[in-house]
Amino acid sequence: MGNFITDQGLAGIKHYENLSELTLIDASRLGDEGIRRFLDCKHLQRLAVSRTRVTAAMIAEFHRRLPDCRIESDAGVMEPQARKTRED
């Protein structure tokens, strides 16, 4: 099913600013262009991206711009930066 998700297909999604979770797995036709639009989701708490064409650089950009978001990707897990600060 995930192979139907493409960069162009995600371009049509509107009103996603309040999204809190996003899971994109087995979407081999999805890359940085398609997922970039979700960088504006300030309420995003969990992003899971696996088996896509999304690059490590884009995952790092999400981690930088959405520090409260837990990111799970093929490269591993990036915990929310704010949570790490609270635990120290």
PDB file of N, CA and C in Angstrom:
ATOM      1  N   MET A   1       0.818  -1.196   0.000  1.00  0.00           N
ATOM      2  CA  MET A   1       0.000   0.000   0.000  1.00  0.00           C
ATOM      3  C   MET A   1       0.858   1.255   0.000  1.00  0.00           C
ATOM      4  N   GLY A   2       1.971   1.256   0.719  1.00  0.00           N
ATOM      5  CA  GLY A   2       2.813   2.431   0.826  1.00  0.00           C
ATOM      6  C   GLY A   2       3.386   2.911  -0.486  1.00  0.00           C
ATOM      7  N   ASN A   3       3.520   2.030  -1.470  1.00  0.00           N
ATOM      8  CA  ASN A   3       4.074   2.440  -2.749  1.00  0.00           C
ATOM      9  C   ASN A   3       3.181   3.409  -3.494  1.00  0.00           C
ATOM     10  N   PHE A   4       1.967   3.615  -3.018  1.00  0.00           N
ATOM     11  CA  PHE A   4       1.068   4.572  -3.646  1.00  0.00           C
ATOM     12  C   PHE A   4       1.316   5.986  -3.134  1.00  0.00           C
ATOM     13  N   ILE A   5       2.087   6.126  -2.071  1.00  0.00           N
ATOM     14  CA  ILE A   5       2.395   7.444  -1.515  1.00  0.00           C
ATOM     15  C   ILE A   5       3.596   8.010  -2.266  1.00  0.00           C
ATOM     16  N   THR A   6       3.394   9.178  -2.871  1.00  0.00           N
ATOM     17  CA  THR A   6       4.452   9.821  -3.640  1.00  0.00           C
ATOM     18  C   THR A   6       4.619  11.262  -3.200  1.00  0.00           C
ATOM     19  N   ASP A   7       5.711  11.885  -3.631  1.00  0.00           N
ATOM     20  CA  ASP A   7       5.920  13.303  -3.357  1.00  0.00           C
ATOM     21  C   ASP A   7       4.755  14.119  -3.913  1.00  0.00           C
ATOM     22  N   GLN A   8       4.359  13.829  -5.141  1.00  0.00           N
ATOM     23  CA  GLN A   8       3.276  14.563  -5.784  1.00  0.00           C
ATOM     24  C   GLN A   8       1.941  14.316  -5.084  1.00  0.00           C
ATOM     25  N   GLY A   9       1.721  13.088  -4.631  1.00  0.00           N
ATOM     26  CA  GLY A   9       0.477  12.775  -3.935  1.00  0.00           C
ATOM     27  C   GLY A   9       0.319  13.533  -2.636  1.00  0.00           C
ATOM     28  N   LEU A  10       1.407  13.712  -1.914  1.00  0.00           N
ATOM     29  CA  LEU A  10       1.335  14.453  -0.653  1.00  0.00           C
ATOM     30  C   LEU A  10       1.150  15.947  -0.883  1.00  0.00           C
ATOM     31  N   ALA A  11       1.435  16.418  -2.085  1.00  0.00           N
ATOM     32  CA  ALA A  11       1.275  17.840  -2.397  1.00  0.00           C
ATOM     33  C   ALA A  11      -0.181  18.278  -2.254  1.00  0.00           C
ATOM     34  N   GLY A  12      -1.107  17.354  -2.421  1.00  0.00           N
ATOM     35  CA  GLY A  12      -2.520  17.689  -2.336  1.00  0.00           C
ATOM     36  C   GLY A  12      -3.084  17.744  -0.936  1.00  0.00           C
ATOM     37  N   ILE A  13      -2.306  17.352   0.058  1.00  0.00           N
ATOM     38  CA  ILE A  13      -2.804  17.362   1.442  1.00  0.00           C
ATOM     39  C   ILE A  13      -2.880  18.797   1.941  1.00  0.00           C
ATOM     40  N   LYS A  14      -4.035  19.152   2.458  1.00  0.00           N
ATOM     41  CA  LYS A  14      -4.254  20.497   3.009  1.00  0.00           C
ATOM     42  C   LYS A  14      -4.648  20.376   4.481  1.00  0.00           C
ATOM     43  N   HIS A  15      -4.467  21.430   5.221  1.00  0.00           N
ATOM     44  CA  HIS A  15      -4.907  21.517   6.610  1.00  0.00           C
ATOM     45  C   HIS A  15      -4.291  20.431   7.491  1.00  0.00           C
ATOM     46  N   TYR A  16      -2.993  20.319   7.440  1.00  0.00           N
ATOM     47  CA  TYR A  16      -2.275  19.316   8.218  1.00  0.00           C
ATOM     48  C   TYR A  16      -1.455  19.942   9.338  1.00  0.00           C
ATOM     49  N   GLU A  17      -1.587  21.236   9.553  1.00  0.00           N
ATOM     50  CA  GLU A  17      -0.730  21.941  10.505  1.00  0.00           C
ATOM     51  C   GLU A  17      -0.845  21.416  11.929  1.00  0.00           C
ATOM     52  N   ASN A  18      -2.010  20.866  12.309  1.00  0.00           N
ATOM     53  CA  ASN A  18      -2.209  20.376  13.673  1.00  0.00           C
ATOM     54  C   ASN A  18      -1.928  18.886  13.815  1.00  0.00           C
ATOM     55  N   LEU A  19      -1.315  18.298  12.820  1.00  0.00           N
ATOM     56  CA  LEU A  19      -0.971  16.878  12.838  1.00  0.00           C
ATOM     57  C   LEU A  19      -0.032  16.595  14.008  1.00  0.00           C
ATOM     58  N   SER A  20      -0.306  15.528  14.776  1.00  0.00           N
ATOM     59  CA  SER A  20       0.565  15.206  15.908  1.00  0.00           C
ATOM     60  C   SER A  20       1.399  13.953  15.658  1.00  0.00           C
ATOM     61  N   GLU A  21       0.957  13.069  14.773  1.00  0.00           N
ATOM     62  CA  GLU A  21       1.716  11.863  14.432  1.00  0.00           C
ATOM     63  C   GLU A  21       1.651  11.627  12.933  1.00  0.00           C
ATOM     64  N   LEU A  22       2.774  11.149  12.387  1.00  0.00           N
ATOM     65  CA  LEU A  22       2.838  10.834  10.969  1.00  0.00           C
ATOM     66  C   LEU A  22       3.697   9.589  10.795  1.00  0.00           C
ATOM     67  N   THR A  23       3.135   8.568  10.168  1.00  0.00           N
ATOM     68  CA  THR A  23       3.850   7.325   9.910  1.00  0.00           C
ATOM     69  C   THR A  23       3.845   7.055   8.420  1.00  0.00           C
ATOM     70  N   LEU A  24       5.023   6.945   7.828  1.00  0.00           N
ATOM     71  CA  LEU A  24       5.180   6.672   6.398  1.00  0.00           C
ATOM     72  C   LEU A  24       6.173   5.527   6.255  1.00  0.00           C
ATOM     73  N   ILE A  25       5.646   4.338   6.015  1.00  0.00           N
ATOM     74  CA  ILE A  25       6.480   3.138   5.939  1.00  0.00           C
ATOM     75  C   ILE A  25       6.216   2.429   4.614  1.00  0.00           C
ATOM     76  N   ASP A  26       7.276   1.888   4.035  1.00  0.00           N
ATOM     77  CA  ASP A  26       7.184   1.197   2.744  1.00  0.00           C
ATOM     78  C   ASP A  26       6.667   2.111   1.641  1.00  0.00           C
ATOM     79  N   ALA A  27       7.059   3.362   1.684  1.00  0.00           N
ATOM     80  CA  ALA A  27       6.663   4.334   0.664  1.00  0.00           C
ATOM     81  C   ALA A  27       7.895   4.633  -0.194  1.00  0.00           C
ATOM     82  N   SER A  28       8.260   3.681  -1.016  1.00  0.00           N
ATOM     83  CA  SER A  28       9.515   3.773  -1.766  1.00  0.00           C
ATOM     84  C   SER A  28       9.526   4.889  -2.802  1.00  0.00           C
ATOM     85  N   ARG A  29       8.382   5.479  -3.074  1.00  0.00           N
ATOM     86  CA  ARG A  29       8.323   6.587  -4.033  1.00  0.00           C
ATOM     87  C   ARG A  29       8.261   7.940  -3.336  1.00  0.00           C
ATOM     88  N   LEU A  30       8.435   7.956  -2.017  1.00  0.00           N
ATOM     89  CA  LEU A  30       8.399   9.181  -1.231  1.00  0.00           C
ATOM     90  C   LEU A  30       9.816   9.633  -0.896  1.00  0.00           C
ATOM     91  N   GLY A  31      10.095  10.904  -1.148  1.00  0.00           N
ATOM     92  CA  GLY A  31      11.413  11.460  -0.848  1.00  0.00           C
ATOM     93  C   GLY A  31      11.310  12.763  -0.080  1.00  0.00           C
ATOM     94  N   ASP A  32      12.395  13.496  -0.061  1.00  0.00           N
ATOM     95  CA  ASP A  32      12.479  14.748   0.686  1.00  0.00           C
ATOM     96  C   ASP A  32      11.430  15.768   0.243  1.00  0.00           C
ATOM     97  N   GLU A  33      11.195  15.857  -1.048  1.00  0.00           N
ATOM     98  CA  GLU A  33      10.248  16.846  -1.572  1.00  0.00           C
ATOM     99  C   GLU A  33       8.860  16.657  -0.962  1.00  0.00           C
ATOM    100  N   GLY A  34       8.412  15.420  -0.865  1.00  0.00           N
ATOM    101  CA  GLY A  34       7.083  15.145  -0.350  1.00  0.00           C
ATOM    102  C   GLY A  34       6.942  15.350   1.140  1.00  0.00           C
ATOM    103  N   ILE A  35       7.957  15.008   1.884  1.00  0.00           N
ATOM    104  CA  ILE A  35       7.856  15.092   3.346  1.00  0.00           C
ATOM    105  C   ILE A  35       8.183  16.497   3.871  1.00  0.00           C
ATOM    106  N   ARG A  36       8.867  17.288   3.066  1.00  0.00           N
ATOM    107  CA  ARG A  36       9.290  18.634   3.480  1.00  0.00           C
ATOM    108  C   ARG A  36       8.114  19.482   3.982  1.00  0.00           C
ATOM    109  N   ARG A  37       6.950  19.338   3.364  1.00  0.00           N
ATOM    110  CA  ARG A  37       5.790  20.165   3.734  1.00  0.00           C
ATOM    111  C   ARG A  37       5.388  19.982   5.194  1.00  0.00           C
ATOM    112  N   PHE A  38       5.770  18.870   5.805  1.00  0.00           N
ATOM    113  CA  PHE A  38       5.389  18.610   7.192  1.00  0.00           C
ATOM    114  C   PHE A  38       6.326  19.267   8.205  1.00  0.00           C
ATOM    115  N   LEU A  39       7.354  19.951   7.730  1.00  0.00           N
ATOM    116  CA  LEU A  39       8.236  20.701   8.632  1.00  0.00           C
ATOM    117  C   LEU A  39       7.490  21.820   9.351  1.00  0.00           C
ATOM    118  N   ASP A  40       6.355  22.232   8.811  1.00  0.00           N
ATOM    119  CA  ASP A  40       5.561  23.296   9.427  1.00  0.00           C
ATOM    120  C   ASP A  40       4.581  22.780  10.473  1.00  0.00           C
ATOM    121  N   CYS A  41       4.563  21.496  10.718  1.00  0.00           N
ATOM    122  CA  CYS A  41       3.655  20.900  11.702  1.00  0.00           C
ATOM    123  C   CYS A  41       4.246  21.063  13.094  1.00  0.00           C
ATOM    124  N   LYS A  42       4.022  22.192  13.700  1.00  0.00           N
ATOM    125  CA  LYS A  42       4.628  22.507  14.996  1.00  0.00           C
ATOM    126  C   LYS A  42       4.124  21.616  16.126  1.00  0.00           C
ATOM    127  N   HIS A  43       3.010  20.905  15.906  1.00  0.00           N
ATOM    128  CA  HIS A  43       2.447  20.023  16.931  1.00  0.00           C
ATOM    129  C   HIS A  43       2.877  18.571  16.741  1.00  0.00           C
ATOM    130  N   LEU A  44       3.717  18.309  15.759  1.00  0.00           N
ATOM    131  CA  LEU A  44       4.134  16.939  15.468  1.00  0.00           C
ATOM    132  C   LEU A  44       4.961  16.394  16.634  1.00  0.00           C
ATOM    133  N   GLN A  45       4.490  15.300  17.225  1.00  0.00           N
ATOM    134  CA  GLN A  45       5.162  14.693  18.360  1.00  0.00           C
ATOM    135  C   GLN A  45       5.871  13.400  17.992  1.00  0.00           C
ATOM    136  N   ARG A  46       5.448  12.773  16.887  1.00  0.00           N
ATOM    137  CA  ARG A  46       6.073  11.519  16.463  1.00  0.00           C
ATOM    138  C   ARG A  46       6.064  11.432  14.946  1.00  0.00           C
ATOM    139  N   LEU A  47       7.235  11.166  14.389  1.00  0.00           N
ATOM    140  CA  LEU A  47       7.398  10.956  12.954  1.00  0.00           C
ATOM    141  C   LEU A  47       8.100   9.618  12.761  1.00  0.00           C
ATOM    142  N   ALA A  48       7.463   8.722  12.015  1.00  0.00           N
ATOM    143  CA  ALA A  48       8.068   7.428  11.706  1.00  0.00           C
ATOM    144  C   ALA A  48       8.189   7.326  10.191  1.00  0.00           C
ATOM    145  N   VAL A  49       9.416   7.231   9.704  1.00  0.00           N
ATOM    146  CA  VAL A  49       9.688   7.174   8.269  1.00  0.00           C
ATOM    147  C   VAL A  49      10.649   6.012   8.038  1.00  0.00           C
ATOM    148  N   SER A  50      10.194   5.030   7.273  1.00  0.00           N
ATOM    149  CA  SER A  50      11.013   3.851   7.056  1.00  0.00           C
ATOM    150  C   SER A  50      10.797   3.311   5.651  1.00  0.00           C
ATOM    151  N   ARG A  51      11.891   2.849   5.045  1.00  0.00           N
ATOM    152  CA  ARG A  51      11.858   2.286   3.702  1.00  0.00           C
ATOM    153  C   ARG A  51      11.247   3.262   2.693  1.00  0.00           C
ATOM    154  N   THR A  52      11.804   4.481   2.698  1.00  0.00           N
ATOM    155  CA  THR A  52      11.428   5.545   1.771  1.00  0.00           C
ATOM    156  C   THR A  52      12.708   6.070   1.119  1.00  0.00           C
ATOM    157  N   ARG A  53      12.576   7.143   0.322  1.00  0.00           N
ATOM    158  CA  ARG A  53      13.748   7.813  -0.240  1.00  0.00           C
ATOM    159  C   ARG A  53      14.088   9.080   0.551  1.00  0.00           C
ATOM    160  N   VAL A  54      13.509   9.247   1.716  1.00  0.00           N
ATOM    161  CA  VAL A  54      13.801  10.406   2.561  1.00  0.00           C
ATOM    162  C   VAL A  54      15.238  10.276   3.052  1.00  0.00           C
ATOM    163  N   THR A  55      16.020  11.338   2.879  1.00  0.00           N
ATOM    164  CA  THR A  55      17.441  11.299   3.204  1.00  0.00           C
ATOM    165  C   THR A  55      17.705  11.580   4.685  1.00  0.00           C
ATOM    166  N   ALA A  56      18.885  11.194   5.121  1.00  0.00           N
ATOM    167  CA  ALA A  56      19.318  11.469   6.493  1.00  0.00           C
ATOM    168  C   ALA A  56      19.371  12.974   6.739  1.00  0.00           C
ATOM    169  N   ALA A  57      19.715  13.743   5.715  1.00  0.00           N
ATOM    170  CA  ALA A  57      19.765  15.201   5.857  1.00  0.00           C
ATOM    171  C   ALA A  57      18.379  15.765   6.152  1.00  0.00           C
ATOM    172  N   MET A  58      17.343  15.225   5.528  1.00  0.00           N
ATOM    173  CA  MET A  58      15.980  15.703   5.784  1.00  0.00           C
ATOM    174  C   MET A  58      15.527  15.290   7.181  1.00  0.00           C
ATOM    175  N   ILE A  59      15.885  14.094   7.605  1.00  0.00           N
ATOM    176  CA  ILE A  59      15.555  13.656   8.963  1.00  0.00           C
ATOM    177  C   ILE A  59      16.232  14.582   9.976  1.00  0.00           C
ATOM    178  N   ALA A  60      17.473  14.945   9.727  1.00  0.00           N
ATOM    179  CA  ALA A  60      18.197  15.866  10.610  1.00  0.00           C
ATOM    180  C   ALA A  60      17.527  17.239  10.633  1.00  0.00           C
ATOM    181  N   GLU A  61      17.009  17.676   9.499  1.00  0.00           N
ATOM    182  CA  GLU A  61      16.304  18.962   9.425  1.00  0.00           C
ATOM    183  C   GLU A  61      15.031  18.915  10.277  1.00  0.00           C
ATOM    184  N   PHE A  62      14.308  17.808  10.221  1.00  0.00           N
ATOM    185  CA  PHE A  62      13.130  17.651  11.087  1.00  0.00           C
ATOM    186  C   PHE A  62      13.547  17.727  12.548  1.00  0.00           C
ATOM    187  N   HIS A  63      14.612  17.055  12.915  1.00  0.00           N
ATOM    188  CA  HIS A  63      15.074  17.046  14.302  1.00  0.00           C
ATOM    189  C   HIS A  63      15.473  18.455  14.756  1.00  0.00           C
ATOM    190  N   ARG A  64      16.065  19.202  13.863  1.00  0.00           N
ATOM    191  CA  ARG A  64      16.485  20.572  14.190  1.00  0.00           C
ATOM    192  C   ARG A  64      15.275  21.501  14.317  1.00  0.00           C
ATOM    193  N   ARG A  65      14.340  21.419  13.382  1.00  0.00           N
ATOM    194  CA  ARG A  65      13.208  22.351  13.355  1.00  0.00           C
ATOM    195  C   ARG A  65      12.051  21.955  14.262  1.00  0.00           C
ATOM    196  N   LEU A  66      11.954  20.668  14.595  1.00  0.00           N
ATOM    197  CA  LEU A  66      10.884  20.187  15.474  1.00  0.00           C
ATOM    198  C   LEU A  66      11.502  19.439  16.658  1.00  0.00           C
ATOM    199  N   PRO A  67      12.126  20.171  17.567  1.00  0.00           N
ATOM    200  CA  PRO A  67      12.898  19.541  18.641  1.00  0.00           C
ATOM    201  C   PRO A  67      12.062  18.716  19.627  1.00  0.00           C
ATOM    202  N   ASP A  68      10.739  18.907  19.659  1.00  0.00           N
ATOM    203  CA  ASP A  68       9.890  18.141  20.570  1.00  0.00           C
ATOM    204  C   ASP A  68       9.351  16.863  19.935  1.00  0.00           C
ATOM    205  N   CYS A  69       9.768  16.570  18.717  1.00  0.00           N
ATOM    206  CA  CYS A  69       9.257  15.429  17.967  1.00  0.00           C
ATOM    207  C   CYS A  69      10.187  14.217  18.090  1.00  0.00           C
ATOM    208  N   ARG A  70       9.615  13.064  18.395  1.00  0.00           N
ATOM    209  CA  ARG A  70      10.362  11.798  18.377  1.00  0.00           C
ATOM    210  C   ARG A  70      10.382  11.323  16.930  1.00  0.00           C
ATOM    211  N   ILE A  71      11.564  11.036  16.398  1.00  0.00           N
ATOM    212  CA  ILE A  71      11.702  10.635  15.005  1.00  0.00           C
ATOM    213  C   ILE A  71      12.277   9.230  14.931  1.00  0.00           C
ATOM    214  N   GLU A  72      11.547   8.361  14.253  1.00  0.00           N
ATOM    215  CA  GLU A  72      11.977   6.989  14.040  1.00  0.00           C
ATOM    216  C   GLU A  72      12.217   6.819  12.547  1.00  0.00           C
ATOM    217  N   SER A  73      13.426   6.397  12.184  1.00  0.00           N
ATOM    218  CA  SER A  73      13.752   6.226  10.769  1.00  0.00           C
ATOM    219  C   SER A  73      14.664   5.019  10.604  1.00  0.00           C
ATOM    220  N   ASP A  74      15.015   4.728   9.375  1.00  0.00           N
ATOM    221  CA  ASP A  74      15.928   3.619   9.105  1.00  0.00           C
ATOM    222  C   ASP A  74      17.273   3.824   9.804  1.00  0.00           C
ATOM    223  N   ALA A  75      17.618   5.067  10.090  1.00  0.00           N
ATOM    224  CA  ALA A  75      18.891   5.382  10.740  1.00  0.00           C
ATOM    225  C   ALA A  75      18.835   5.215  12.261  1.00  0.00           C
ATOM    226  N   GLY A  76      17.636   5.037  12.806  1.00  0.00           N
ATOM    227  CA  GLY A  76      17.496   4.895  14.250  1.00  0.00           C
ATOM    228  C   GLY A  76      16.446   5.836  14.807  1.00  0.00           C
ATOM    229  N   VAL A  77      16.534   6.082  16.098  1.00  0.00           N
ATOM    230  CA  VAL A  77      15.553   6.913  16.793  1.00  0.00           C
ATOM    231  C   VAL A  77      16.226   8.181  17.289  1.00  0.00           C
ATOM    232  N   MET A  78      15.545   9.306  17.069  1.00  0.00           N
ATOM    233  CA  MET A  78      16.001  10.591  17.599  1.00  0.00           C
ATOM    234  C   MET A  78      14.947  11.028  18.611  1.00  0.00           C
ATOM    235  N   GLU A  79      15.334  11.032  19.868  1.00  0.00           N
ATOM    236  CA  GLU A  79      14.407  11.429  20.925  1.00  0.00           C
ATOM    237  C   GLU A  79      14.209  12.943  20.902  1.00  0.00           C
ATOM    238  N   PRO A  80      13.072  13.398  21.413  1.00  0.00           N
ATOM    239  CA  PRO A  80      12.854  14.842  21.496  1.00  0.00           C
ATOM    240  C   PRO A  80      13.946  15.510  22.322  1.00  0.00           C
ATOM    241  N   GLN A  81      14.449  16.615  21.840  1.00  0.00           N
ATOM    242  CA  GLN A  81      15.516  17.314  22.546  1.00  0.00           C
ATOM    243  C   GLN A  81      15.021  17.859  23.874  1.00  0.00           C
ATOM    244  N   ALA A  82      13.794  18.343  23.914  1.00  0.00           N
ATOM    245  CA  ALA A  82      13.254  18.904  25.143  1.00  0.00           C
ATOM    246  C   ALA A  82      13.174  17.837  26.230  1.00  0.00           C
ATOM    247  N   ARG A  83      12.811  16.601  25.855  1.00  0.00           N
ATOM    248  CA  ARG A  83      12.713  15.513  26.830  1.00  0.00           C
ATOM    249  C   ARG A  83      14.080  15.208  27.426  1.00  0.00           C
ATOM    250  N   LYS A  84      15.103  15.216  26.613  1.00  0.00           N
ATOM    251  CA  LYS A  84      16.450  14.950  27.120  1.00  0.00           C
ATOM    252  C   LYS A  84      16.848  15.997  28.134  1.00  0.00           C
ATOM    253  N   THR A  85      16.500  17.263  27.869  1.00  0.00           N
ATOM    254  CA  THR A  85      16.843  18.358  28.784  1.00  0.00           C
ATOM    255  C   THR A  85      16.149  18.183  30.116  1.00  0.00           C
ATOM    256  N   ARG A  86      14.871  17.779  30.087  1.00  0.00           N
ATOM    257  CA  ARG A  86      14.120  17.596  31.318  1.00  0.00           C
ATOM    258  C   ARG A  86      14.673  16.452  32.166  1.00  0.00           C
ATOM    259  N   GLU A  87      15.224  15.437  31.540  1.00  0.00           N
ATOM    260  CA  GLU A  87      15.733  14.276  32.266  1.00  0.00           C
ATOM    261  C   GLU A  87      17.080  14.542  32.918  1.00  0.00           C
ATOM    262  N   ASP A  88      17.817  15.530  32.424  1.00  0.00           N
ATOM    263  CA  ASP A  88      19.167  15.832  32.958  1.00  0.00           C
ATOM    264  C   ASP A  88      19.110  16.358  34.371  1.00  0.00           C
TER     265      ASP A  88
END
